[in-house]
Amino acid sequence: MLYKAKCSQCGTQFRRRTRTELLSALRKHIWKAHRSWMVHRIKAGQAKAAAGNPGVVGLLKDLGSGDFIPGYKKYKRAQYEALKPALDVLTKHLPEPVKVSWEIVDRMADIIFKK
């Protein structure tokens, strides 16, 4: 069987006997002939992923400002699990409002961070 594909940027056609060979040839062509387009796509994807996934710093700011409980839906279980060991150690050094918020979040983690 002969597999066929076409470059979405320039229309170059490729024909190979296996899908693996076809995809490899297409990938090599795109990186060689359309490098800036590929870099742009990768950066756009990273920016999109970062926008929908607030970081640990954002979680700490929300804990400190008291806005965490109303806006918890933007956070993921992985962020909580990454932050938990550090905050458990630092709890005694945190300001009182952050400490109280963290204790509430820690106790309600299974409810807040549903899988």
N, C-alpha and C. Protein backbone atom coordinates (compact mmCIF):
# COMPACT_ATOMS: atom_id res chain seq x y z
N MET A 1 0.85 -1.17 0.00
CA MET A 1 0.00 0.00 0.00
C MET A 1 0.90 1.24 0.00
N LEU A 2 0.50 2.26 -0.71
CA LEU A 2 1.26 3.49 -0.81
C LEU A 2 0.52 4.59 -0.05
N TYR A 3 1.20 5.18 0.92
CA TYR A 3 0.61 6.27 1.70
C TYR A 3 1.00 7.60 1.06
N LYS A 4 0.04 8.56 1.10
CA LYS A 4 0.27 9.86 0.49
C LYS A 4 -0.03 10.96 1.51
N ALA A 5 0.73 12.05 1.41
CA ALA A 5 0.48 13.23 2.24
C ALA A 5 0.95 14.46 1.50
N LYS A 6 0.44 15.61 1.96
CA LYS A 6 0.79 16.87 1.33
C LYS A 6 1.15 17.87 2.41
N CYS A 7 2.20 18.65 2.19
CA CYS A 7 2.61 19.69 3.13
C CYS A 7 1.52 20.77 3.16
N SER A 8 1.11 21.13 4.36
CA SER A 8 0.04 22.12 4.49
C SER A 8 0.51 23.53 4.16
N GLN A 9 1.81 23.75 4.14
CA GLN A 9 2.35 25.08 3.88
C GLN A 9 2.64 25.34 2.40
N CYS A 10 3.27 24.38 1.73
CA CYS A 10 3.69 24.62 0.34
C CYS A 10 3.06 23.65 -0.66
N GLY A 11 2.39 22.62 -0.19
CA GLY A 11 1.72 21.70 -1.09
C GLY A 11 2.59 20.59 -1.66
N THR A 12 3.83 20.47 -1.19
CA THR A 12 4.70 19.39 -1.66
C THR A 12 4.08 18.04 -1.31
N GLN A 13 4.06 17.13 -2.27
CA GLN A 13 3.46 15.83 -2.04
C GLN A 13 4.51 14.79 -1.67
N PHE A 14 4.12 13.89 -0.79
CA PHE A 14 5.01 12.81 -0.35
C PHE A 14 4.28 11.48 -0.51
N ARG A 15 5.04 10.47 -0.93
CA ARG A 15 4.51 9.11 -1.06
C ARG A 15 5.53 8.16 -0.45
N ARG A 16 5.05 7.32 0.46
CA ARG A 16 5.93 6.35 1.10
C ARG A 16 5.16 5.05 1.31
N ARG A 17 5.91 3.98 1.52
CA ARG A 17 5.29 2.66 1.68
C ARG A 17 4.70 2.44 3.07
N THR A 18 5.23 3.11 4.08
CA THR A 18 4.68 2.94 5.44
C THR A 18 4.31 4.31 6.00
N ARG A 19 3.39 4.30 6.95
CA ARG A 19 2.99 5.55 7.59
C ARG A 19 4.16 6.18 8.34
N THR A 20 4.98 5.34 8.95
CA THR A 20 6.12 5.84 9.70
C THR A 20 7.08 6.61 8.79
N GLU A 21 7.39 6.03 7.64
CA GLU A 21 8.28 6.69 6.69
C GLU A 21 7.66 7.99 6.17
N LEU A 22 6.35 7.96 5.92
CA LEU A 22 5.66 9.14 5.41
C LEU A 22 5.70 10.28 6.43
N LEU A 23 5.35 9.98 7.66
CA LEU A 23 5.34 11.02 8.68
C LEU A 23 6.74 11.54 8.95
N SER A 24 7.74 10.67 8.91
CA SER A 24 9.12 11.09 9.10
C SER A 24 9.56 12.04 7.99
N ALA A 25 9.25 11.70 6.75
CA ALA A 25 9.61 12.55 5.61
C ALA A 25 8.91 13.90 5.70
N LEU A 26 7.63 13.88 6.06
CA LEU A 26 6.87 15.12 6.17
C LEU A 26 7.43 16.00 7.29
N ARG A 27 7.73 15.39 8.42
CA ARG A 27 8.28 16.13 9.55
C ARG A 27 9.64 16.75 9.20
N LYS A 28 10.50 15.96 8.56
CA LYS A 28 11.81 16.48 8.15
C LYS A 28 11.66 17.65 7.17
N HIS A 29 10.74 17.52 6.22
CA HIS A 29 10.50 18.58 5.24
C HIS A 29 10.03 19.86 5.95
N ILE A 30 9.07 19.72 6.83
CA ILE A 30 8.51 20.90 7.50
C ILE A 30 9.58 21.60 8.32
N TRP A 31 10.39 20.85 9.04
CA TRP A 31 11.44 21.49 9.85
C TRP A 31 12.50 22.13 8.96
N LYS A 32 12.79 21.53 7.83
CA LYS A 32 13.82 22.08 6.95
C LYS A 32 13.32 23.30 6.18
N ALA A 33 12.13 23.20 5.60
CA ALA A 33 11.62 24.24 4.72
C ALA A 33 10.78 25.31 5.43
N HIS A 34 10.19 24.98 6.57
CA HIS A 34 9.25 25.88 7.24
C HIS A 34 9.58 26.02 8.72
N ARG A 35 10.85 26.15 9.03
CA ARG A 35 11.30 26.19 10.42
C ARG A 35 10.63 27.30 11.25
N SER A 36 10.58 28.50 10.72
CA SER A 36 10.01 29.62 11.49
C SER A 36 8.52 29.39 11.78
N TRP A 37 7.82 28.79 10.84
CA TRP A 37 6.41 28.48 11.06
C TRP A 37 6.23 27.48 12.19
N MET A 38 7.09 26.44 12.21
CA MET A 38 7.02 25.44 13.28
C MET A 38 7.34 26.05 14.64
N VAL A 39 8.36 26.88 14.70
CA VAL A 39 8.73 27.53 15.96
C VAL A 39 7.57 28.40 16.45
N HIS A 40 6.95 29.13 15.54
CA HIS A 40 5.80 29.96 15.88
C HIS A 40 4.65 29.12 16.44
N ARG A 41 4.38 27.98 15.81
CA ARG A 41 3.30 27.09 16.30
C ARG A 41 3.60 26.55 17.69
N ILE A 42 4.85 26.16 17.93
CA ILE A 42 5.22 25.62 19.23
C ILE A 42 5.07 26.69 20.31
N LYS A 43 5.56 27.90 20.03
CA LYS A 43 5.45 28.99 21.01
C LYS A 43 3.99 29.36 21.28
N ALA A 44 3.17 29.35 20.25
CA ALA A 44 1.75 29.65 20.42
C ALA A 44 1.07 28.60 21.30
N GLY A 45 1.42 27.34 21.09
CA GLY A 45 0.86 26.27 21.90
C GLY A 45 1.29 26.36 23.35
N GLN A 46 2.55 26.71 23.58
CA GLN A 46 3.04 26.87 24.95
C GLN A 46 2.34 28.03 25.65
N ALA A 47 2.16 29.14 24.93
CA ALA A 47 1.48 30.29 25.51
C ALA A 47 0.03 29.97 25.83
N LYS A 48 -0.62 29.23 24.96
CA LYS A 48 -2.02 28.85 25.19
C LYS A 48 -2.14 27.94 26.41
N ALA A 49 -1.21 27.00 26.53
CA ALA A 49 -1.23 26.09 27.68
C ALA A 49 -0.96 26.84 28.97
N ALA A 50 -0.04 27.78 28.95
CA ALA A 50 0.31 28.54 30.15
C ALA A 50 -0.84 29.45 30.58
N ALA A 51 -1.58 29.99 29.62
CA ALA A 51 -2.68 30.89 29.95
C ALA A 51 -3.79 30.15 30.69
N GLY A 52 -4.03 28.91 30.36
CA GLY A 52 -5.10 28.16 30.99
C GLY A 52 -4.65 27.38 32.21
N ASN A 53 -3.41 27.56 32.62
CA ASN A 53 -2.88 26.77 33.72
C ASN A 53 -2.07 27.69 34.64
N PRO A 54 -2.74 28.39 35.58
CA PRO A 54 -2.03 29.32 36.44
C PRO A 54 -0.96 28.60 37.26
N GLY A 55 0.13 29.25 37.46
CA GLY A 55 1.27 28.63 38.12
C GLY A 55 1.17 28.62 39.62
N VAL A 56 2.21 28.09 40.22
CA VAL A 56 2.28 27.98 41.67
C VAL A 56 2.30 29.37 42.30
N VAL A 57 2.96 30.33 41.66
CA VAL A 57 3.00 31.70 42.19
C VAL A 57 1.59 32.28 42.25
N GLY A 58 0.80 32.02 41.21
CA GLY A 58 -0.58 32.49 41.22
C GLY A 58 -1.39 31.86 42.34
N LEU A 59 -1.14 30.59 42.60
CA LEU A 59 -1.83 29.91 43.69
C LEU A 59 -1.46 30.54 45.02
N LEU A 60 -0.19 30.86 45.21
CA LEU A 60 0.24 31.50 46.46
C LEU A 60 -0.37 32.90 46.61
N LYS A 61 -0.43 33.66 45.51
CA LYS A 61 -1.03 34.99 45.56
C LYS A 61 -2.50 34.90 45.94
N ASP A 62 -3.20 33.93 45.34
CA ASP A 62 -4.62 33.77 45.64
C ASP A 62 -4.83 33.33 47.09
N LEU A 63 -3.96 32.50 47.60
CA LEU A 63 -4.05 32.10 49.01
C LEU A 63 -3.87 33.33 49.90
N GLY A 64 -2.90 34.17 49.56
CA GLY A 64 -2.61 35.35 50.37
C GLY A 64 -3.69 36.40 50.31
N SER A 65 -4.34 36.54 49.18
CA SER A 65 -5.37 37.58 49.04
C SER A 65 -6.73 37.10 49.50
N GLY A 66 -6.88 35.82 49.73
CA GLY A 66 -8.17 35.28 50.17
C GLY A 66 -9.10 34.97 49.01
N ASP A 67 -8.61 35.08 47.79
CA ASP A 67 -9.44 34.82 46.61
C ASP A 67 -9.41 33.36 46.17
N PHE A 68 -8.73 32.51 46.89
CA PHE A 68 -8.55 31.14 46.42
C PHE A 68 -9.84 30.35 46.40
N ILE A 69 -10.58 30.37 47.49
CA ILE A 69 -11.77 29.52 47.60
C ILE A 69 -12.78 29.84 46.49
N PRO A 70 -13.10 31.13 46.20
CA PRO A 70 -14.04 31.37 45.09
C PRO A 70 -13.49 31.00 43.72
N GLY A 71 -12.16 31.08 43.53
CA GLY A 71 -11.60 30.83 42.21
C GLY A 71 -10.84 29.53 42.09
N TYR A 72 -11.16 28.55 42.91
CA TYR A 72 -10.39 27.31 42.95
C TYR A 72 -10.47 26.51 41.66
N LYS A 73 -11.49 26.71 40.85
CA LYS A 73 -11.69 25.87 39.66
C LYS A 73 -10.59 26.03 38.63
N LYS A 74 -9.81 27.11 38.69
CA LYS A 74 -8.74 27.29 37.70
C LYS A 74 -7.48 26.52 38.07
N TYR A 75 -7.46 25.86 39.21
CA TYR A 75 -6.28 25.12 39.64
C TYR A 75 -6.47 23.62 39.47
N LYS A 76 -5.38 22.92 39.29
CA LYS A 76 -5.40 21.47 39.06
C LYS A 76 -4.80 20.75 40.26
N ARG A 77 -5.13 19.48 40.37
CA ARG A 77 -4.60 18.66 41.46
C ARG A 77 -3.07 18.60 41.42
N ALA A 78 -2.48 18.57 40.23
CA ALA A 78 -1.03 18.49 40.11
C ALA A 78 -0.35 19.70 40.73
N GLN A 79 -0.94 20.89 40.57
CA GLN A 79 -0.36 22.09 41.19
C GLN A 79 -0.43 22.00 42.71
N TYR A 80 -1.57 21.53 43.19
CA TYR A 80 -1.72 21.37 44.64
C TYR A 80 -0.71 20.37 45.17
N GLU A 81 -0.54 19.24 44.50
CA GLU A 81 0.39 18.22 44.96
C GLU A 81 1.84 18.69 44.88
N ALA A 82 2.16 19.57 43.92
CA ALA A 82 3.51 20.12 43.83
C ALA A 82 3.77 21.12 44.96
N LEU A 83 2.75 21.83 45.35
CA LEU A 83 2.90 22.88 46.35
C LEU A 83 2.77 22.37 47.78
N LYS A 84 2.04 21.31 47.99
CA LYS A 84 1.74 20.81 49.34
C LYS A 84 2.99 20.54 50.19
N PRO A 85 3.99 19.78 49.72
CA PRO A 85 5.15 19.52 50.58
C PRO A 85 5.87 20.80 51.00
N ALA A 86 6.01 21.74 50.09
CA ALA A 86 6.71 22.99 50.42
C ALA A 86 5.91 23.80 51.44
N LEU A 87 4.60 23.92 51.22
CA LEU A 87 3.80 24.71 52.16
C LEU A 87 3.64 24.03 53.51
N ASP A 88 3.65 22.71 53.54
CA ASP A 88 3.60 22.02 54.83
C ASP A 88 4.82 22.36 55.67
N VAL A 89 5.97 22.47 55.02
CA VAL A 89 7.20 22.82 55.74
C VAL A 89 7.20 24.29 56.15
N LEU A 90 6.71 25.15 55.26
CA LEU A 90 6.76 26.60 55.49
C LEU A 90 5.56 27.15 56.25
N THR A 91 4.62 26.33 56.63
CA THR A 91 3.37 26.81 57.24
C THR A 91 3.63 27.70 58.45
N LYS A 92 4.56 27.34 59.30
CA LYS A 92 4.78 28.12 60.52
C LYS A 92 5.39 29.49 60.23
N HIS A 93 5.94 29.69 59.03
CA HIS A 93 6.55 30.97 58.67
C HIS A 93 5.65 31.84 57.80
N LEU A 94 4.49 31.33 57.41
CA LEU A 94 3.57 32.09 56.55
C LEU A 94 2.80 33.13 57.36
N PRO A 95 2.41 34.22 56.71
CA PRO A 95 1.53 35.19 57.39
C PRO A 95 0.21 34.51 57.77
N GLU A 96 -0.44 35.03 58.80
CA GLU A 96 -1.64 34.39 59.34
C GLU A 96 -2.75 34.18 58.31
N PRO A 97 -3.09 35.17 57.45
CA PRO A 97 -4.17 34.92 56.48
C PRO A 97 -3.84 33.80 55.49
N VAL A 98 -2.57 33.74 55.07
CA VAL A 98 -2.16 32.69 54.13
C VAL A 98 -2.20 31.34 54.83
N LYS A 99 -1.77 31.32 56.07
CA LYS A 99 -1.76 30.07 56.84
C LYS A 99 -3.19 29.52 57.00
N VAL A 100 -4.12 30.40 57.33
CA VAL A 100 -5.52 29.97 57.50
C VAL A 100 -6.09 29.47 56.17
N SER A 101 -5.83 30.22 55.10
CA SER A 101 -6.31 29.79 53.77
C SER A 101 -5.74 28.44 53.40
N TRP A 102 -4.45 28.27 53.64
CA TRP A 102 -3.79 27.00 53.29
C TRP A 102 -4.37 25.85 54.09
N GLU A 103 -4.62 26.05 55.37
CA GLU A 103 -5.19 24.98 56.20
C GLU A 103 -6.58 24.58 55.70
N ILE A 104 -7.37 25.57 55.29
CA ILE A 104 -8.71 25.27 54.75
C ILE A 104 -8.58 24.47 53.46
N VAL A 105 -7.72 24.95 52.57
CA VAL A 105 -7.53 24.27 51.28
C VAL A 105 -6.99 22.86 51.50
N ASP A 106 -6.05 22.72 52.42
CA ASP A 106 -5.45 21.41 52.70
C ASP A 106 -6.50 20.42 53.21
N ARG A 107 -7.39 20.88 54.07
CA ARG A 107 -8.43 20.00 54.60
C ARG A 107 -9.49 19.65 53.57
N MET A 108 -9.75 20.58 52.65
CA MET A 108 -10.80 20.37 51.66
C MET A 108 -10.26 19.91 50.31
N ALA A 109 -9.01 19.50 50.25
CA ALA A 109 -8.34 19.21 48.98
C ALA A 109 -9.09 18.16 48.15
N ASP A 110 -9.58 17.11 48.78
CA ASP A 110 -10.25 16.06 48.01
C ASP A 110 -11.54 16.58 47.37
N ILE A 111 -12.19 17.53 48.01
CA ILE A 111 -13.41 18.09 47.46
C ILE A 111 -13.08 19.13 46.39
N ILE A 112 -12.10 19.99 46.68
CA ILE A 112 -11.75 21.09 45.77
C ILE A 112 -11.13 20.56 44.48
N PHE A 113 -10.16 19.67 44.61
CA PHE A 113 -9.40 19.20 43.45
C PHE A 113 -9.92 17.85 43.00
N LYS A 114 -11.09 17.83 42.41
CA LYS A 114 -11.66 16.57 41.91
C LYS A 114 -10.85 16.09 40.73
N LYS A 115 -10.78 14.80 40.57
CA LYS A 115 -10.05 14.24 39.42
C LYS A 115 -10.88 14.30 38.19
